[in-house]
Amino acid sequence: MTDRAAPDPWHALRRLTPARIALGRSGPALPTAEVLRFGLAHAQARDAVNFALDVAGLQDELRTRHDSSLVVHSRTPDRAAYLLRPDLGRRLDDVSAALLAKAVAPASGACTLPDVAFVLADGLSALAVQRHAPALLDALVPRLPPDWTIAPIVIAEQARVALGDEIGEILGARLVAVLIGERPGLSSPDSLSVYLSWAPQRGCSDAERNCVSNIRPEGLGYAAAAMRIAWLMREARRLQRTGVELKDRSDLPEIAEDSATSE
């Protein structure tokens, strides 16, 4: 039987958004094609949650761009536990904590602390980190002040956002930026978010963080995201705070113009 879908007057708007609008109908139901597309999107979202981060491949990509990277793991033993016990994903396991402490031990007597620590965390979509984190760093790092020092990049497995606070605290970083995979949606299985925390330490609340989300070519592009994040990072150092006390004004015309002329 032919699937005769009634046209939807909003159909022309579909080219402007990946949202599931103007699906049409076949009698009282959705057209078969849309039901199949929904099933595919749902499967892709489920797969993204269970996708394992290719740590070696990510390290290879980073090696061509940055001096070094460290790999750490949360207290979560496996993916099933990660989904059931979010608290375990917010703390480093003992081996990882010791690894980070050893990495900064030679500089423990120095006065200079890193201005920023970047943490690449798999989160709920390792696919997002795999696809977008290196390109975002490529766009972001050149926008930071040239005198800023950057800690070794940390790749974190089975990680929640708050794991970055403990990592930043051990590294002695003034600011931590956690690049993490978002919870997949039906039109975005690979969205990346960046969370910023000034003076990171265990116990920081969500109110003490800034977030830039939906970073991917189909959402907020790398260049636009890098401009916004760099502005927030510079303001965080100037104000020495992040979160509800740091308002994102990076899209104001005069700020956007200044950012463009500074490149």
C-alpha atoms as a PDB file:
ATOM      1  CA  MET A   1       0.000   0.000   0.000  1.00  0.00           C
ATOM      2  CA  THR A   2       1.287   3.463  -0.897  1.00  0.00           C
ATOM      3  CA  ASP A   3       2.034   5.751   2.057  1.00  0.00           C
ATOM      4  CA  ARG A   4       0.071   8.870   1.059  1.00  0.00           C
ATOM      5  CA  ALA A   5       1.108  11.587   3.494  1.00  0.00           C
ATOM      6  CA  ALA A   6      -0.917  14.772   3.711  1.00  0.00           C
ATOM      7  CA  PRO A   7       1.364  17.797   3.112  1.00  0.00           C
ATOM      8  CA  ASP A   8       2.174  20.008   6.080  1.00  0.00           C
ATOM      9  CA  PRO A   9       2.036  23.803   5.576  1.00  0.00           C
ATOM     10  CA  TRP A  10       5.183  24.166   7.738  1.00  0.00           C
ATOM     11  CA  HIS A  11       7.221  21.875   5.486  1.00  0.00           C
ATOM     12  CA  ALA A  12       9.283  24.760   4.070  1.00  0.00           C
ATOM     13  CA  LEU A  13      10.590  25.507   7.580  1.00  0.00           C
ATOM     14  CA  ARG A  14      12.306  22.120   7.837  1.00  0.00           C
ATOM     15  CA  ARG A  15      15.320  23.394   5.936  1.00  0.00           C
ATOM     16  CA  LEU A  16      15.947  25.905   8.746  1.00  0.00           C
ATOM     17  CA  THR A  17      16.111  23.488  11.691  1.00  0.00           C
ATOM     18  CA  PRO A  18      16.936  19.866  12.530  1.00  0.00           C
ATOM     19  CA  ALA A  19      13.982  19.848  14.957  1.00  0.00           C
ATOM     20  CA  ARG A  20      11.233  17.338  14.238  1.00  0.00           C
ATOM     21  CA  ILE A  21       8.597  19.670  12.783  1.00  0.00           C
ATOM     22  CA  ALA A  22       6.219  19.457   9.807  1.00  0.00           C
ATOM     23  CA  LEU A  23       6.242  15.662   9.798  1.00  0.00           C
ATOM     24  CA  GLY A  24       2.982  15.347   7.905  1.00  0.00           C
ATOM     25  CA  ARG A  25       0.520  12.545   8.520  1.00  0.00           C
ATOM     26  CA  SER A  26      -0.933   9.477   6.910  1.00  0.00           C
ATOM     27  CA  GLY A  27      -4.502   9.179   8.127  1.00  0.00           C
ATOM     28  CA  PRO A  28      -4.376   9.481  11.937  1.00  0.00           C
ATOM     29  CA  ALA A  29      -0.688   8.450  12.110  1.00  0.00           C
ATOM     30  CA  LEU A  30       2.746   9.628  11.072  1.00  0.00           C
ATOM     31  CA  PRO A  31       3.985   8.685   7.598  1.00  0.00           C
ATOM     32  CA  THR A  32       6.024   5.486   7.510  1.00  0.00           C
ATOM     33  CA  ALA A  33       9.144   7.362   6.416  1.00  0.00           C
ATOM     34  CA  GLU A  34       8.984   9.601   9.502  1.00  0.00           C
ATOM     35  CA  VAL A  35       8.449   6.628  11.812  1.00  0.00           C
ATOM     36  CA  LEU A  36      11.573   5.026  10.346  1.00  0.00           C
ATOM     37  CA  ARG A  37      13.568   8.251  10.691  1.00  0.00           C
ATOM     38  CA  PHE A  38      12.501   8.494  14.348  1.00  0.00           C
ATOM     39  CA  GLY A  39      13.632   4.930  14.966  1.00  0.00           C
ATOM     40  CA  LEU A  40      17.005   5.636  13.369  1.00  0.00           C
ATOM     41  CA  ALA A  41      17.494   8.825  15.408  1.00  0.00           C
ATOM     42  CA  HIS A  42      16.579   6.997  18.615  1.00  0.00           C
ATOM     43  CA  ALA A  43      19.054   4.210  17.827  1.00  0.00           C
ATOM     44  CA  GLN A  44      21.798   6.737  17.092  1.00  0.00           C
ATOM     45  CA  ALA A  45      21.172   8.471  20.430  1.00  0.00           C
ATOM     46  CA  ARG A  46      21.336   5.161  22.313  1.00  0.00           C
ATOM     47  CA  ASP A  47      24.513   4.175  20.473  1.00  0.00           C
ATOM     48  CA  ALA A  48      26.133   7.527  21.314  1.00  0.00           C
ATOM     49  CA  VAL A  49      25.581   6.950  25.042  1.00  0.00           C
ATOM     50  CA  ASN A  50      27.371   3.597  24.846  1.00  0.00           C
ATOM     51  CA  PHE A  51      30.066   4.652  22.363  1.00  0.00           C
ATOM     52  CA  ALA A  52      33.526   4.064  23.858  1.00  0.00           C
ATOM     53  CA  LEU A  53      36.033   6.882  23.566  1.00  0.00           C
ATOM     54  CA  ASP A  54      39.000   6.000  21.341  1.00  0.00           C
ATOM     55  CA  VAL A  55      41.598   7.320  23.748  1.00  0.00           C
ATOM     56  CA  ALA A  56      44.607   6.316  21.649  1.00  0.00           C
ATOM     57  CA  GLY A  57      43.150   7.960  18.540  1.00  0.00           C
ATOM     58  CA  LEU A  58      42.347  11.132  20.468  1.00  0.00           C
ATOM     59  CA  GLN A  59      45.862  11.242  21.899  1.00  0.00           C
ATOM     60  CA  ASP A  60      47.296  10.892  18.396  1.00  0.00           C
ATOM     61  CA  GLU A  61      45.246  13.884  17.234  1.00  0.00           C
ATOM     62  CA  LEU A  62      46.284  15.966  20.212  1.00  0.00           C
ATOM     63  CA  ARG A  63      49.955  15.020  19.855  1.00  0.00           C
ATOM     64  CA  THR A  64      50.219  16.931  16.583  1.00  0.00           C
ATOM     65  CA  ARG A  65      48.824  20.071  18.230  1.00  0.00           C
ATOM     66  CA  HIS A  66      49.876  20.138  21.887  1.00  0.00           C
ATOM     67  CA  ASP A  67      52.890  19.176  23.963  1.00  0.00           C
ATOM     68  CA  SER A  68      51.393  16.405  26.067  1.00  0.00           C
ATOM     69  CA  SER A  69      48.230  14.785  27.373  1.00  0.00           C
ATOM     70  CA  LEU A  70      47.350  12.671  30.387  1.00  0.00           C
ATOM     71  CA  VAL A  71      44.659   9.980  30.625  1.00  0.00           C
ATOM     72  CA  VAL A  72      42.637   9.616  33.814  1.00  0.00           C
ATOM     73  CA  HIS A  73      39.589   7.623  34.890  1.00  0.00           C
ATOM     74  CA  SER A  74      36.771   8.295  37.286  1.00  0.00           C
ATOM     75  CA  ARG A  75      35.783   5.898  40.061  1.00  0.00           C
ATOM     76  CA  THR A  76      33.208   4.360  37.734  1.00  0.00           C
ATOM     77  CA  PRO A  77      34.221   0.757  36.878  1.00  0.00           C
ATOM     78  CA  ASP A  78      32.214   0.485  33.629  1.00  0.00           C
ATOM     79  CA  ARG A  79      29.578   2.171  31.478  1.00  0.00           C
ATOM     80  CA  ALA A  80      26.624   0.522  33.209  1.00  0.00           C
ATOM     81  CA  ALA A  81      27.790   1.839  36.571  1.00  0.00           C
ATOM     82  CA  TYR A  82      28.435   5.247  35.015  1.00  0.00           C
ATOM     83  CA  LEU A  83      24.774   5.540  34.032  1.00  0.00           C
ATOM     84  CA  LEU A  84      23.473   4.264  37.372  1.00  0.00           C
ATOM     85  CA  ARG A  85      25.931   6.051  39.706  1.00  0.00           C
ATOM     86  CA  PRO A  86      26.577   9.648  38.581  1.00  0.00           C
ATOM     87  CA  ASP A  87      28.404  10.322  41.865  1.00  0.00           C
ATOM     88  CA  LEU A  88      31.194   7.921  40.929  1.00  0.00           C
ATOM     89  CA  GLY A  89      31.809   9.826  37.709  1.00  0.00           C
ATOM     90  CA  ARG A  90      32.526  13.011  39.687  1.00  0.00           C
ATOM     91  CA  ARG A  91      35.621  11.678  41.471  1.00  0.00           C
ATOM     92  CA  LEU A  92      38.974  10.421  40.228  1.00  0.00           C
ATOM     93  CA  ASP A  93      40.085   6.923  41.051  1.00  0.00           C
ATOM     94  CA  ASP A  94      43.177   6.684  43.247  1.00  0.00           C
ATOM     95  CA  VAL A  95      45.538   5.792  40.396  1.00  0.00           C
ATOM     96  CA  SER A  96      44.472   8.823  38.356  1.00  0.00           C
ATOM     97  CA  ALA A  97      44.744  11.199  41.309  1.00  0.00           C
ATOM     98  CA  ALA A  98      48.274   9.961  41.951  1.00  0.00           C
ATOM     99  CA  LEU A  99      49.141  10.321  38.260  1.00  0.00           C
ATOM    100  CA  LEU A 100      48.093  13.986  38.218  1.00  0.00           C
ATOM    101  CA  ALA A 101      49.858  14.717  41.498  1.00  0.00           C
ATOM    102  CA  LYS A 102      53.053  13.206  40.100  1.00  0.00           C
ATOM    103  CA  ALA A 103      52.716  15.244  36.900  1.00  0.00           C
ATOM    104  CA  VAL A 104      52.798  18.526  38.827  1.00  0.00           C
ATOM    105  CA  ALA A 105      55.231  17.427  41.544  1.00  0.00           C
ATOM    106  CA  PRO A 106      58.397  18.816  39.848  1.00  0.00           C
ATOM    107  CA  ALA A 107      56.824  22.279  39.751  1.00  0.00           C
ATOM    108  CA  SER A 108      55.377  22.117  43.243  1.00  0.00           C
ATOM    109  CA  GLY A 109      57.865  24.655  44.565  1.00  0.00           C
ATOM    110  CA  ALA A 110      57.302  27.137  41.748  1.00  0.00           C
ATOM    111  CA  CYS A 111      55.143  30.242  42.095  1.00  0.00           C
ATOM    112  CA  THR A 112      53.624  30.059  38.640  1.00  0.00           C
ATOM    113  CA  LEU A 113      50.400  28.078  38.319  1.00  0.00           C
ATOM    114  CA  PRO A 114      48.768  27.170  35.007  1.00  0.00           C
ATOM    115  CA  ASP A 115      46.155  29.661  33.915  1.00  0.00           C
ATOM    116  CA  VAL A 116      43.905  26.989  32.433  1.00  0.00           C
ATOM    117  CA  ALA A 117      43.521  23.226  32.367  1.00  0.00           C
ATOM    118  CA  PHE A 118      41.585  21.623  29.521  1.00  0.00           C
ATOM    119  CA  VAL A 119      39.760  18.381  30.318  1.00  0.00           C
ATOM    120  CA  LEU A 120      38.351  16.290  27.466  1.00  0.00           C
ATOM    121  CA  ALA A 121      35.656  14.151  29.088  1.00  0.00           C
ATOM    122  CA  ASP A 122      33.558  11.499  27.383  1.00  0.00           C
ATOM    123  CA  GLY A 123      30.381  12.318  29.327  1.00  0.00           C
ATOM    124  CA  LEU A 124      27.163  11.001  27.835  1.00  0.00           C
ATOM    125  CA  SER A 125      28.454  11.196  24.254  1.00  0.00           C
ATOM    126  CA  ALA A 126      32.070  10.233  23.710  1.00  0.00           C
ATOM    127  CA  LEU A 127      31.272  10.618  20.020  1.00  0.00           C
ATOM    128  CA  ALA A 128      31.020  14.387  20.515  1.00  0.00           C
ATOM    129  CA  VAL A 129      34.461  14.601  22.107  1.00  0.00           C
ATOM    130  CA  GLN A 130      35.994  12.359  19.465  1.00  0.00           C
ATOM    131  CA  ARG A 131      34.583  14.414  16.588  1.00  0.00           C
ATOM    132  CA  HIS A 132      34.714  17.985  17.859  1.00  0.00           C
ATOM    133  CA  ALA A 133      37.112  18.525  20.779  1.00  0.00           C
ATOM    134  CA  PRO A 134      40.391  18.739  18.778  1.00  0.00           C
ATOM    135  CA  ALA A 135      38.881  21.138  16.234  1.00  0.00           C
ATOM    136  CA  LEU A 136      37.436  23.314  18.990  1.00  0.00           C
ATOM    137  CA  LEU A 137      40.805  23.490  20.734  1.00  0.00           C
ATOM    138  CA  ASP A 138      42.395  24.488  17.422  1.00  0.00           C
ATOM    139  CA  ALA A 139      39.983  27.424  17.218  1.00  0.00           C
ATOM    140  CA  LEU A 140      40.099  28.323  20.907  1.00  0.00           C
ATOM    141  CA  VAL A 141      43.735  28.212  22.020  1.00  0.00           C
ATOM    142  CA  PRO A 142      44.978  30.910  19.559  1.00  0.00           C
ATOM    143  CA  ARG A 143      42.305  33.267  20.938  1.00  0.00           C
ATOM    144  CA  LEU A 144      43.676  33.110  24.480  1.00  0.00           C
ATOM    145  CA  PRO A 145      46.141  35.736  25.727  1.00  0.00           C
ATOM    146  CA  PRO A 146      49.685  34.762  24.630  1.00  0.00           C
ATOM    147  CA  ASP A 147      51.015  34.949  28.182  1.00  0.00           C
ATOM    148  CA  TRP A 148      48.613  32.301  29.496  1.00  0.00           C
ATOM    149  CA  THR A 149      50.111  28.975  30.566  1.00  0.00           C
ATOM    150  CA  ILE A 150      48.203  25.796  29.750  1.00  0.00           C
ATOM    151  CA  ALA A 151      48.447  22.629  31.815  1.00  0.00           C
ATOM    152  CA  PRO A 152      48.876  19.263  30.070  1.00  0.00           C
ATOM    153  CA  ILE A 153      45.581  18.343  28.432  1.00  0.00           C
ATOM    154  CA  VAL A 154      43.692  15.696  30.394  1.00  0.00           C
ATOM    155  CA  ILE A 155      41.538  13.020  28.752  1.00  0.00           C
ATOM    156  CA  ALA A 156      39.003  11.722  31.271  1.00  0.00           C
ATOM    157  CA  GLU A 157      37.086   8.465  30.872  1.00  0.00           C
ATOM    158  CA  GLN A 158      33.651   7.767  32.400  1.00  0.00           C
ATOM    159  CA  ALA A 159      33.611  11.399  33.503  1.00  0.00           C
ATOM    160  CA  ARG A 160      30.951  13.787  34.718  1.00  0.00           C
ATOM    161  CA  VAL A 161      31.328  17.574  34.606  1.00  0.00           C
ATOM    162  CA  ALA A 162      32.374  17.869  38.244  1.00  0.00           C
ATOM    163  CA  LEU A 163      35.384  15.607  37.677  1.00  0.00           C
ATOM    164  CA  GLY A 164      37.061  18.632  36.111  1.00  0.00           C
ATOM    165  CA  ASP A 165      36.985  20.440  39.448  1.00  0.00           C
ATOM    166  CA  GLU A 166      39.122  17.778  41.124  1.00  0.00           C
ATOM    167  CA  ILE A 167      41.458  17.636  38.113  1.00  0.00           C
ATOM    168  CA  GLY A 168      41.895  21.408  38.106  1.00  0.00           C
ATOM    169  CA  GLU A 169      42.473  21.450  41.848  1.00  0.00           C
ATOM    170  CA  ILE A 170      45.248  18.848  41.686  1.00  0.00           C
ATOM    171  CA  LEU A 171      46.900  20.591  38.731  1.00  0.00           C
ATOM    172  CA  GLY A 172      46.711  23.925  40.541  1.00  0.00           C
ATOM    173  CA  ALA A 173      44.946  25.576  37.600  1.00  0.00           C
ATOM    174  CA  ARG A 174      43.279  28.935  38.056  1.00  0.00           C
ATOM    175  CA  LEU A 175      40.581  27.958  35.559  1.00  0.00           C
ATOM    176  CA  VAL A 176      39.368  24.603  34.261  1.00  0.00           C
ATOM    177  CA  ALA A 177      37.544  24.081  30.957  1.00  0.00           C
ATOM    178  CA  VAL A 178      35.735  20.752  30.637  1.00  0.00           C
ATOM    179  CA  LEU A 179      34.907  19.742  27.058  1.00  0.00           C
ATOM    180  CA  ILE A 180      32.275  17.046  27.499  1.00  0.00           C
ATOM    181  CA  GLY A 181      29.720  15.143  25.425  1.00  0.00           C
ATOM    182  CA  GLU A 182      26.119  16.184  26.048  1.00  0.00           C
ATOM    183  CA  ARG A 183      23.186  13.858  26.579  1.00  0.00           C
ATOM    184  CA  PRO A 184      22.265  12.832  23.012  1.00  0.00           C
ATOM    185  CA  GLY A 185      19.034  14.101  21.498  1.00  0.00           C
ATOM    186  CA  LEU A 186      17.008  12.792  18.588  1.00  0.00           C
ATOM    187  CA  SER A 187      18.642  15.276  16.219  1.00  0.00           C
ATOM    188  CA  SER A 188      22.015  15.702  17.927  1.00  0.00           C
ATOM    189  CA  PRO A 189      23.856  12.564  19.082  1.00  0.00           C
ATOM    190  CA  ASP A 190      27.231  14.367  19.040  1.00  0.00           C
ATOM    191  CA  SER A 191      26.779  17.755  20.725  1.00  0.00           C
ATOM    192  CA  LEU A 192      29.717  19.064  22.746  1.00  0.00           C
ATOM    193  CA  SER A 193      29.513  21.367  25.780  1.00  0.00           C
ATOM    194  CA  VAL A 194      32.221  23.358  27.544  1.00  0.00           C
ATOM    195  CA  TYR A 195      31.978  24.081  31.278  1.00  0.00           C
ATOM    196  CA  LEU A 196      34.204  26.738  32.868  1.00  0.00           C
ATOM    197  CA  SER A 197      35.053  26.894  36.591  1.00  0.00           C
ATOM    198  CA  TRP A 198      37.269  29.501  38.219  1.00  0.00           C
ATOM    199  CA  ALA A 199      39.386  28.275  41.175  1.00  0.00           C
ATOM    200  CA  PRO A 200      38.246  24.678  40.653  1.00  0.00           C
ATOM    201  CA  GLN A 201      37.985  22.448  43.672  1.00  0.00           C
ATOM    202  CA  ARG A 202      35.942  19.503  44.794  1.00  0.00           C
ATOM    203  CA  GLY A 203      32.464  20.532  45.881  1.00  0.00           C
ATOM    204  CA  CYS A 204      31.913  23.318  43.325  1.00  0.00           C
ATOM    205  CA  SER A 205      28.246  23.684  42.422  1.00  0.00           C
ATOM    206  CA  ASP A 206      26.637  24.167  39.023  1.00  0.00           C
ATOM    207  CA  ALA A 207      25.976  27.804  39.991  1.00  0.00           C
ATOM    208  CA  GLU A 208      29.755  28.359  39.946  1.00  0.00           C
ATOM    209  CA  ARG A 209      30.150  27.275  36.320  1.00  0.00           C
ATOM    210  CA  ASN A 210      29.499  28.786  32.897  1.00  0.00           C
ATOM    211  CA  CYS A 211      28.400  26.566  30.048  1.00  0.00           C
ATOM    212  CA  VAL A 212      28.536  26.878  26.255  1.00  0.00           C
ATOM    213  CA  SER A 213      26.565  24.077  24.620  1.00  0.00           C
ATOM    214  CA  ASN A 214      25.527  22.487  21.305  1.00  0.00           C
ATOM    215  CA  ILE A 215      28.980  22.875  19.786  1.00  0.00           C
ATOM    216  CA  ARG A 216      29.083  21.073  16.434  1.00  0.00           C
ATOM    217  CA  PRO A 217      28.957  22.104  12.766  1.00  0.00           C
ATOM    218  CA  GLU A 218      25.144  21.761  12.722  1.00  0.00           C
ATOM    219  CA  GLY A 219      24.771  23.847  15.887  1.00  0.00           C
ATOM    220  CA  LEU A 220      27.202  26.411  17.310  1.00  0.00           C
ATOM    221  CA  GLY A 221      30.223  26.261  14.989  1.00  0.00           C
ATOM    222  CA  TYR A 222      33.797  25.971  16.217  1.00  0.00           C
ATOM    223  CA  ALA A 223      34.784  29.575  15.473  1.00  0.00           C
ATOM    224  CA  ALA A 224      31.679  31.082  17.104  1.00  0.00           C
ATOM    225  CA  ALA A 225      32.020  28.793  20.113  1.00  0.00           C
ATOM    226  CA  ALA A 226      35.721  29.612  20.466  1.00  0.00           C
ATOM    227  CA  MET A 227      35.015  33.353  20.427  1.00  0.00           C
ATOM    228  CA  ARG A 228      32.375  32.993  23.159  1.00  0.00           C
ATOM    229  CA  ILE A 229      34.461  30.672  25.328  1.00  0.00           C
ATOM    230  CA  ALA A 230      37.607  32.786  25.002  1.00  0.00           C
ATOM    231  CA  TRP A 231      35.651  35.879  26.036  1.00  0.00           C
ATOM    232  CA  LEU A 232      34.277  34.063  29.083  1.00  0.00           C
ATOM    233  CA  MET A 233      37.731  32.803  30.021  1.00  0.00           C
ATOM    234  CA  ARG A 234      39.288  36.261  29.813  1.00  0.00           C
ATOM    235  CA  GLU A 235      36.444  37.729  31.866  1.00  0.00           C
ATOM    236  CA  ALA A 236      36.748  34.915  34.407  1.00  0.00           C
ATOM    237  CA  ARG A 237      40.389  35.833  34.999  1.00  0.00           C
ATOM    238  CA  ARG A 238      39.574  39.538  35.189  1.00  0.00           C
ATOM    239  CA  LEU A 239      36.718  39.053  37.665  1.00  0.00           C
ATOM    240  CA  GLN A 240      38.206  35.942  39.290  1.00  0.00           C
ATOM    241  CA  ARG A 241      34.856  34.186  39.201  1.00  0.00           C
ATOM    242  CA  THR A 242      32.581  32.135  36.981  1.00  0.00           C
ATOM    243  CA  GLY A 243      28.961  31.043  37.171  1.00  0.00           C
ATOM    244  CA  VAL A 244      25.991  33.244  37.997  1.00  0.00           C
ATOM    245  CA  GLU A 245      28.294  36.206  38.676  1.00  0.00           C
ATOM    246  CA  LEU A 246      29.767  36.069  35.167  1.00  0.00           C
ATOM    247  CA  LYS A 247      27.182  37.017  32.543  1.00  0.00           C
ATOM    248  CA  ASP A 248      27.847  36.066  28.935  1.00  0.00           C
ATOM    249  CA  ARG A 249      27.934  39.340  27.010  1.00  0.00           C
ATOM    250  CA  SER A 250      30.150  38.071  24.213  1.00  0.00           C
ATOM    251  CA  ASP A 251      27.421  38.699  21.638  1.00  0.00           C
ATOM    252  CA  LEU A 252      27.217  42.449  22.266  1.00  0.00           C
ATOM    253  CA  PRO A 253      28.123  44.356  19.060  1.00  0.00           C
ATOM    254  CA  GLU A 254      31.096  46.215  20.516  1.00  0.00           C
ATOM    255  CA  ILE A 255      32.541  43.029  22.016  1.00  0.00           C
ATOM    256  CA  ALA A 256      32.076  41.043  18.827  1.00  0.00           C
ATOM    257  CA  GLU A 257      33.820  43.833  16.881  1.00  0.00           C
ATOM    258  CA  ASP A 258      36.740  43.890  19.316  1.00  0.00           C
ATOM    259  CA  SER A 259      37.089  40.097  19.060  1.00  0.00           C
ATOM    260  CA  ALA A 260      37.097  40.238  15.280  1.00  0.00           C
ATOM    261  CA  THR A 261      39.763  42.957  15.094  1.00  0.00           C
ATOM    262  CA  SER A 262      41.988  41.133  17.618  1.00  0.00           C
ATOM    263  CA  GLU A 263      42.323  38.014  15.443  1.00  0.00           C
END
